[in-house]
C-alpha atoms as a PDB file:
ATOM      1  CA  UNK A   1      30.741  25.952 -21.532  1.00  0.00           C
ATOM      2  CA  UNK A   2      32.394  22.785 -22.694  1.00  0.00           C
ATOM      3  CA  UNK A   3      33.590  22.045 -19.169  1.00  0.00           C
ATOM      4  CA  UNK A   4      30.022  22.123 -17.788  1.00  0.00           C
ATOM      5  CA  UNK A   5      28.752  19.827 -20.550  1.00  0.00           C
ATOM      6  CA  UNK A   6      31.568  17.373 -19.828  1.00  0.00           C
ATOM      7  CA  UNK A   7      30.717  17.399 -16.107  1.00  0.00           C
ATOM      8  CA  UNK A   8      26.999  16.877 -16.789  1.00  0.00           C
ATOM      9  CA  UNK A   9      27.793  14.033 -19.206  1.00  0.00           C
ATOM     10  CA  UNK A  10      30.019  12.317 -16.636  1.00  0.00           C
ATOM     11  CA  UNK A  11      27.359  12.757 -13.956  1.00  0.00           C
ATOM     12  CA  UNK A  12      24.700  11.191 -16.187  1.00  0.00           C
ATOM     13  CA  UNK A  13      27.049   8.284 -16.991  1.00  0.00           C
ATOM     14  CA  UNK A  14      27.776   7.734 -13.293  1.00  0.00           C
ATOM     15  CA  UNK A  15      24.067   7.760 -12.430  1.00  0.00           C
ATOM     16  CA  UNK A  16      23.305   5.284 -15.210  1.00  0.00           C
ATOM     17  CA  UNK A  17      26.025   2.924 -14.006  1.00  0.00           C
ATOM     18  CA  UNK A  18      24.741   3.159 -10.433  1.00  0.00           C
ATOM     19  CA  UNK A  19      21.221   2.352 -11.592  1.00  0.00           C
ATOM     20  CA  UNK A  20      22.364  -0.695 -13.542  1.00  0.00           C
ATOM     21  CA  UNK A  21      24.638  -1.775 -10.664  1.00  0.00           C
ATOM     22  CA  UNK A  22      21.625  -1.881  -8.370  1.00  0.00           C
ATOM     23  CA  UNK A  23      20.022  -4.581 -10.557  1.00  0.00           C
ATOM     24  CA  UNK A  24      20.528  -8.018  -9.035  1.00  0.00           C
ATOM     25  CA  UNK A  25      19.759 -11.510 -10.267  1.00  0.00           C
ATOM     26  CA  UNK A  26      18.686 -14.600  -8.381  1.00  0.00           C
ATOM     27  CA  UNK A  27      18.788 -18.178  -9.565  1.00  0.00           C
ATOM     28  CA  UNK A  28      15.770 -20.127  -8.319  1.00  0.00           C
ATOM     29  CA  UNK A  29      15.937 -23.908  -8.285  1.00  0.00           C
ATOM     30  CA  UNK A  30      13.365 -26.650  -7.825  1.00  0.00           C
ATOM     31  CA  UNK A  31      13.734 -30.141  -6.351  1.00  0.00           C
ATOM     32  CA  UNK A  32      11.127 -32.887  -5.952  1.00  0.00           C
ATOM     33  CA  UNK A  33      10.599 -33.927  -2.339  1.00  0.00           C
ATOM     34  CA  UNK A  34      10.732 -37.715  -2.284  1.00  0.00           C
ATOM     35  CA  UNK A  35      12.729 -40.594  -0.854  1.00  0.00           C
ATOM     36  CA  UNK A  36      14.919 -40.750  -3.971  1.00  0.00           C
ATOM     37  CA  UNK A  37      15.615 -37.028  -4.011  1.00  0.00           C
ATOM     38  CA  UNK A  38      17.529 -35.700  -6.998  1.00  0.00           C
ATOM     39  CA  UNK A  39      19.737 -32.647  -7.237  1.00  0.00           C
ATOM     40  CA  UNK A  40      17.910 -29.341  -7.634  1.00  0.00           C
ATOM     41  CA  UNK A  41      17.227 -28.224 -11.211  1.00  0.00           C
ATOM     42  CA  UNK A  42      17.079 -24.618 -12.441  1.00  0.00           C
ATOM     43  CA  UNK A  43      13.592 -23.175 -12.491  1.00  0.00           C
ATOM     44  CA  UNK A  44      14.011 -19.454 -13.158  1.00  0.00           C
ATOM     45  CA  UNK A  45      16.449 -16.587 -13.161  1.00  0.00           C
ATOM     46  CA  UNK A  46      15.008 -13.331 -11.861  1.00  0.00           C
ATOM     47  CA  UNK A  47      16.270  -9.770 -12.244  1.00  0.00           C
ATOM     48  CA  UNK A  48      15.165  -7.328  -9.551  1.00  0.00           C
ATOM     49  CA  UNK A  49      16.098  -4.003  -8.007  1.00  0.00           C
ATOM     50  CA  UNK A  50      15.430  -3.299  -4.317  1.00  0.00           C
ATOM     51  CA  UNK A  51      15.343   0.461  -4.880  1.00  0.00           C
ATOM     52  CA  UNK A  52      12.735   0.212  -7.653  1.00  0.00           C
ATOM     53  CA  UNK A  53       9.161  -0.928  -7.260  1.00  0.00           C
ATOM     54  CA  UNK A  54       8.366  -4.620  -6.993  1.00  0.00           C
ATOM     55  CA  UNK A  55       6.591  -4.522 -10.356  1.00  0.00           C
ATOM     56  CA  UNK A  56       9.945  -3.828 -12.081  1.00  0.00           C
ATOM     57  CA  UNK A  57      11.150  -7.374 -11.361  1.00  0.00           C
ATOM     58  CA  UNK A  58      11.259  -9.666 -14.359  1.00  0.00           C
ATOM     59  CA  UNK A  59      11.923 -13.277 -15.188  1.00  0.00           C
ATOM     60  CA  UNK A  60      15.000 -13.494 -17.418  1.00  0.00           C
ATOM     61  CA  UNK A  61      14.735 -17.228 -18.041  1.00  0.00           C
ATOM     62  CA  UNK A  62      12.244 -19.906 -17.049  1.00  0.00           C
ATOM     63  CA  UNK A  63      12.424 -23.647 -17.553  1.00  0.00           C
ATOM     64  CA  UNK A  64       9.254 -25.634 -16.987  1.00  0.00           C
ATOM     65  CA  UNK A  65      10.183 -28.387 -14.554  1.00  0.00           C
ATOM     66  CA  UNK A  66      10.167 -32.035 -15.600  1.00  0.00           C
ATOM     67  CA  UNK A  67       8.910 -33.713 -12.471  1.00  0.00           C
ATOM     68  CA  UNK A  68       8.594 -37.460 -11.854  1.00  0.00           C
ATOM     69  CA  UNK A  69       5.033 -38.822 -11.881  1.00  0.00           C
ATOM     70  CA  UNK A  70       5.206 -39.885  -8.230  1.00  0.00           C
ATOM     71  CA  UNK A  71       6.262 -36.406  -7.051  1.00  0.00           C
ATOM     72  CA  UNK A  72       3.551 -34.501  -5.203  1.00  0.00           C
ATOM     73  CA  UNK A  73       5.681 -31.858  -3.487  1.00  0.00           C
ATOM     74  CA  UNK A  74       8.609 -29.729  -4.625  1.00  0.00           C
ATOM     75  CA  UNK A  75      11.172 -27.621  -2.765  1.00  0.00           C
ATOM     76  CA  UNK A  76      11.825 -24.135  -4.168  1.00  0.00           C
ATOM     77  CA  UNK A  77      14.633 -21.734  -3.228  1.00  0.00           C
ATOM     78  CA  UNK A  78      17.890 -20.034  -4.194  1.00  0.00           C
ATOM     79  CA  UNK A  79      20.580 -22.680  -4.753  1.00  0.00           C
ATOM     80  CA  UNK A  80      24.299 -22.523  -5.511  1.00  0.00           C
ATOM     81  CA  UNK A  81      25.373 -25.519  -7.663  1.00  0.00           C
ATOM     82  CA  UNK A  82      29.095 -24.899  -7.044  1.00  0.00           C
ATOM     83  CA  UNK A  83      28.784 -25.352  -3.270  1.00  0.00           C
ATOM     84  CA  UNK A  84      25.728 -27.655  -3.555  1.00  0.00           C
ATOM     85  CA  UNK A  85      23.961 -25.700  -0.803  1.00  0.00           C
ATOM     86  CA  UNK A  86      20.745 -23.760  -0.554  1.00  0.00           C
ATOM     87  CA  UNK A  87      21.491 -20.039  -0.218  1.00  0.00           C
ATOM     88  CA  UNK A  88      18.086 -19.061   1.121  1.00  0.00           C
ATOM     89  CA  UNK A  89      15.292 -20.602   3.051  1.00  0.00           C
ATOM     90  CA  UNK A  90      13.189 -22.876   0.920  1.00  0.00           C
ATOM     91  CA  UNK A  91       9.492 -23.509   0.712  1.00  0.00           C
ATOM     92  CA  UNK A  92       7.556 -26.617  -0.157  1.00  0.00           C
ATOM     93  CA  UNK A  93       4.777 -26.389  -2.711  1.00  0.00           C
ATOM     94  CA  UNK A  94       2.440 -28.778  -4.452  1.00  0.00           C
ATOM     95  CA  UNK A  95       3.131 -29.839  -8.031  1.00  0.00           C
ATOM     96  CA  UNK A  96      -0.458 -28.760  -8.764  1.00  0.00           C
ATOM     97  CA  UNK A  97       0.892 -25.185  -8.954  1.00  0.00           C
ATOM     98  CA  UNK A  98       2.205 -26.133 -12.411  1.00  0.00           C
ATOM     99  CA  UNK A  99      -1.084 -27.736 -13.485  1.00  0.00           C
ATOM    100  CA  UNK A 100      -3.367 -26.711 -16.302  1.00  0.00           C
ATOM    101  CA  UNK A 101      -5.262 -23.534 -15.514  1.00  0.00           C
ATOM    102  CA  UNK A 102      -2.606 -22.198 -13.124  1.00  0.00           C
ATOM    103  CA  UNK A 103       0.147 -19.663 -13.685  1.00  0.00           C
ATOM    104  CA  UNK A 104       3.175 -20.288 -11.451  1.00  0.00           C
ATOM    105  CA  UNK A 105       4.143 -17.193  -9.466  1.00  0.00           C
ATOM    106  CA  UNK A 106       7.537 -17.031  -7.772  1.00  0.00           C
ATOM    107  CA  UNK A 107       7.550 -14.944  -4.603  1.00  0.00           C
ATOM    108  CA  UNK A 108      11.048 -13.706  -3.793  1.00  0.00           C
ATOM    109  CA  UNK A 109      11.766 -12.180  -0.379  1.00  0.00           C
ATOM    110  CA  UNK A 110      14.893 -10.008  -0.206  1.00  0.00           C
ATOM    111  CA  UNK A 111      16.450  -7.949   2.571  1.00  0.00           C
ATOM    112  CA  UNK A 112      17.257  -4.241   2.309  1.00  0.00           C
ATOM    113  CA  UNK A 113      20.725  -5.085   0.918  1.00  0.00           C
ATOM    114  CA  UNK A 114      19.187  -7.069  -1.931  1.00  0.00           C
ATOM    115  CA  UNK A 115      20.205 -10.535  -0.723  1.00  0.00           C
ATOM    116  CA  UNK A 116      17.668 -13.314  -1.233  1.00  0.00           C
ATOM    117  CA  UNK A 117      16.163 -14.400   2.079  1.00  0.00           C
ATOM    118  CA  UNK A 118      13.483 -16.804   0.834  1.00  0.00           C
ATOM    119  CA  UNK A 119      11.743 -18.029  -2.274  1.00  0.00           C
ATOM    120  CA  UNK A 120       8.274 -19.495  -2.577  1.00  0.00           C
ATOM    121  CA  UNK A 121       5.985 -20.702  -5.315  1.00  0.00           C
ATOM    122  CA  UNK A 122       2.244 -20.387  -5.661  1.00  0.00           C
ATOM    123  CA  UNK A 123      -0.065 -21.148  -8.527  1.00  0.00           C
ATOM    124  CA  UNK A 124      -2.507 -18.403  -9.462  1.00  0.00           C
ATOM    125  CA  UNK A 125      -5.732 -19.609 -11.063  1.00  0.00           C
ATOM    126  CA  UNK A 126      -6.108 -18.181 -14.558  1.00  0.00           C
ATOM    127  CA  UNK A 127      -9.394 -16.913 -15.896  1.00  0.00           C
ATOM    128  CA  UNK A 128      -8.945 -17.078 -19.659  1.00  0.00           C
ATOM    129  CA  UNK A 129     -11.617 -14.463 -20.208  1.00  0.00           C
ATOM    130  CA  UNK A 130      -9.837 -11.881 -18.057  1.00  0.00           C
ATOM    131  CA  UNK A 131      -6.165 -12.251 -18.938  1.00  0.00           C
ATOM    132  CA  UNK A 132      -3.999 -13.493 -21.739  1.00  0.00           C
ATOM    133  CA  UNK A 133      -0.812 -13.633 -19.645  1.00  0.00           C
ATOM    134  CA  UNK A 134      -0.469 -17.343 -18.840  1.00  0.00           C
ATOM    135  CA  UNK A 135       3.300 -17.336 -18.307  1.00  0.00           C
ATOM    136  CA  UNK A 136       5.137 -17.418 -15.004  1.00  0.00           C
ATOM    137  CA  UNK A 137       5.081 -14.292 -12.871  1.00  0.00           C
ATOM    138  CA  UNK A 138       7.409 -12.918 -10.213  1.00  0.00           C
ATOM    139  CA  UNK A 139       6.674 -10.953  -7.071  1.00  0.00           C
ATOM    140  CA  UNK A 140       9.533  -9.401  -5.070  1.00  0.00           C
ATOM    141  CA  UNK A 141       8.986  -8.416  -1.450  1.00  0.00           C
ATOM    142  CA  UNK A 142      11.605  -6.255   0.259  1.00  0.00           C
ATOM    143  CA  UNK A 143      11.913  -6.577   4.035  1.00  0.00           C
ATOM    144  CA  UNK A 144      11.172  -3.395   5.934  1.00  0.00           C
ATOM    145  CA  UNK A 145      12.053  -2.597   9.526  1.00  0.00           C
ATOM    146  CA  UNK A 146       9.297  -3.450  11.975  1.00  0.00           C
ATOM    147  CA  UNK A 147       7.362  -0.938  14.007  1.00  0.00           C
ATOM    148  CA  UNK A 148       9.135   0.362  17.078  1.00  0.00           C
ATOM    149  CA  UNK A 149       7.283   0.608  20.375  1.00  0.00           C
ATOM    150  CA  UNK A 150       6.193   4.042  21.480  1.00  0.00           C
ATOM    151  CA  UNK A 151       7.553   4.549  24.932  1.00  0.00           C
ATOM    152  CA  UNK A 152       5.618   6.484  27.525  1.00  0.00           C
ATOM    153  CA  UNK A 153       6.699   8.227  30.704  1.00  0.00           C
ATOM    154  CA  UNK A 154       9.106   6.257  32.887  1.00  0.00           C
ATOM    155  CA  UNK A 155       7.673   4.287  35.785  1.00  0.00           C
ATOM    156  CA  UNK A 156       8.276   6.010  39.142  1.00  0.00           C
ATOM    157  CA  UNK A 157       9.192   3.677  41.985  1.00  0.00           C
ATOM    158  CA  UNK A 158       9.175   4.317  45.713  1.00  0.00           C
ATOM    159  CA  UNK A 159      12.266   3.534  47.844  1.00  0.00           C
ATOM    160  CA  UNK A 160      10.651   0.153  48.598  1.00  0.00           C
ATOM    161  CA  UNK A 161      10.504  -0.651  44.869  1.00  0.00           C
ATOM    162  CA  UNK A 162       6.738  -0.302  44.454  1.00  0.00           C
ATOM    163  CA  UNK A 163       5.055   1.858  41.869  1.00  0.00           C
ATOM    164  CA  UNK A 164       4.014   5.267  43.138  1.00  0.00           C
ATOM    165  CA  UNK A 165       0.409   6.161  42.419  1.00  0.00           C
ATOM    166  CA  UNK A 166      -0.159   9.848  41.647  1.00  0.00           C
ATOM    167  CA  UNK A 167      -2.211  11.614  44.295  1.00  0.00           C
ATOM    168  CA  UNK A 168      -5.769  12.583  43.420  1.00  0.00           C
ATOM    169  CA  UNK A 169      -6.151  16.353  43.097  1.00  0.00           C
ATOM    170  CA  UNK A 170      -8.820  18.159  45.080  1.00  0.00           C
ATOM    171  CA  UNK A 171     -11.651  20.122  43.458  1.00  0.00           C
ATOM    172  CA  UNK A 172      -9.906  23.405  44.241  1.00  0.00           C
ATOM    173  CA  UNK A 173      -6.584  22.167  42.746  1.00  0.00           C
ATOM    174  CA  UNK A 174      -8.315  21.135  39.525  1.00  0.00           C
ATOM    175  CA  UNK A 175     -10.624  24.135  38.994  1.00  0.00           C
ATOM    176  CA  UNK A 176      -8.951  27.097  40.746  1.00  0.00           C
ATOM    177  CA  UNK A 177      -8.856  29.049  37.513  1.00  0.00           C
ATOM    178  CA  UNK A 178     -12.628  28.752  37.012  1.00  0.00           C
ATOM    179  CA  UNK A 179     -13.235  30.152  40.488  1.00  0.00           C
ATOM    180  CA  UNK A 180     -10.971  33.092  39.615  1.00  0.00           C
ATOM    181  CA  UNK A 181     -12.930  33.778  36.417  1.00  0.00           C
ATOM    182  CA  UNK A 182     -16.273  33.728  38.260  1.00  0.00           C
ATOM    183  CA  UNK A 183     -14.927  36.174  40.904  1.00  0.00           C
ATOM    184  CA  UNK A 184     -13.585  38.527  38.184  1.00  0.00           C
ATOM    185  CA  UNK A 185     -16.890  38.479  36.278  1.00  0.00           C
ATOM    186  CA  UNK A 186     -18.839  39.207  39.457  1.00  0.00           C
ATOM    187  CA  UNK A 187     -16.640  42.185  40.375  1.00  0.00           C
ATOM    188  CA  UNK A 188     -16.472  43.571  36.854  1.00  0.00           C
ATOM    189  CA  UNK A 189     -20.137  43.073  36.130  1.00  0.00           C
ATOM    190  CA  UNK A 190     -21.765  46.359  35.213  1.00  0.00           C
ATOM    191  CA  UNK A 191     -24.636  47.777  37.134  1.00  0.00           C
ATOM    192  CA  UNK A 192     -28.024  48.041  35.542  1.00  0.00           C
ATOM    193  CA  UNK A 193     -29.732  51.262  34.572  1.00  0.00           C
ATOM    194  CA  UNK A 194     -30.128  52.911  37.984  1.00  0.00           C
ATOM    195  CA  UNK A 195     -31.359  56.253  36.725  1.00  0.00           C
ATOM    196  CA  UNK A 196     -34.828  55.187  35.758  1.00  0.00           C
END
């Protein structure tokens, strides 16, 4: 009995470690788009799990950006400060997404392995009467394989390389079975009352 409880305990521990190992984090950076462009600054750190639902993603940390007054556009994406390179595709958004009455929403696109493919930012208009959640939100979208074409019968070609049109069937070839049924019903049809 003790052996089975040890095995079940180890199995539960292994499953818990696998579940926590599937959690990934992404560092999202922001950079004003201008002629005197500065280095990207941290915007948010996001924890997500590709195997779980997209609603399980959460923002671990968020720093409201301090943008110059002349900035009208910002670049948003996953950035690695050690290599000073963008790790994902970036998107350009208006600074109005951080304005009063808007809740910034970070849209993170990841592949099936969990790697960040792209990051985007959009401001969602807040209706104060409907919600009290004014903070930043995150939305994770996991890439899925596209639809595959449904293939039909192969194309039949003649020796000359032209498509072969199927021959039209005659009336007898199409409805031979109906003629057989009519003949059988006629022969098997019972006679009427002949004794009267």
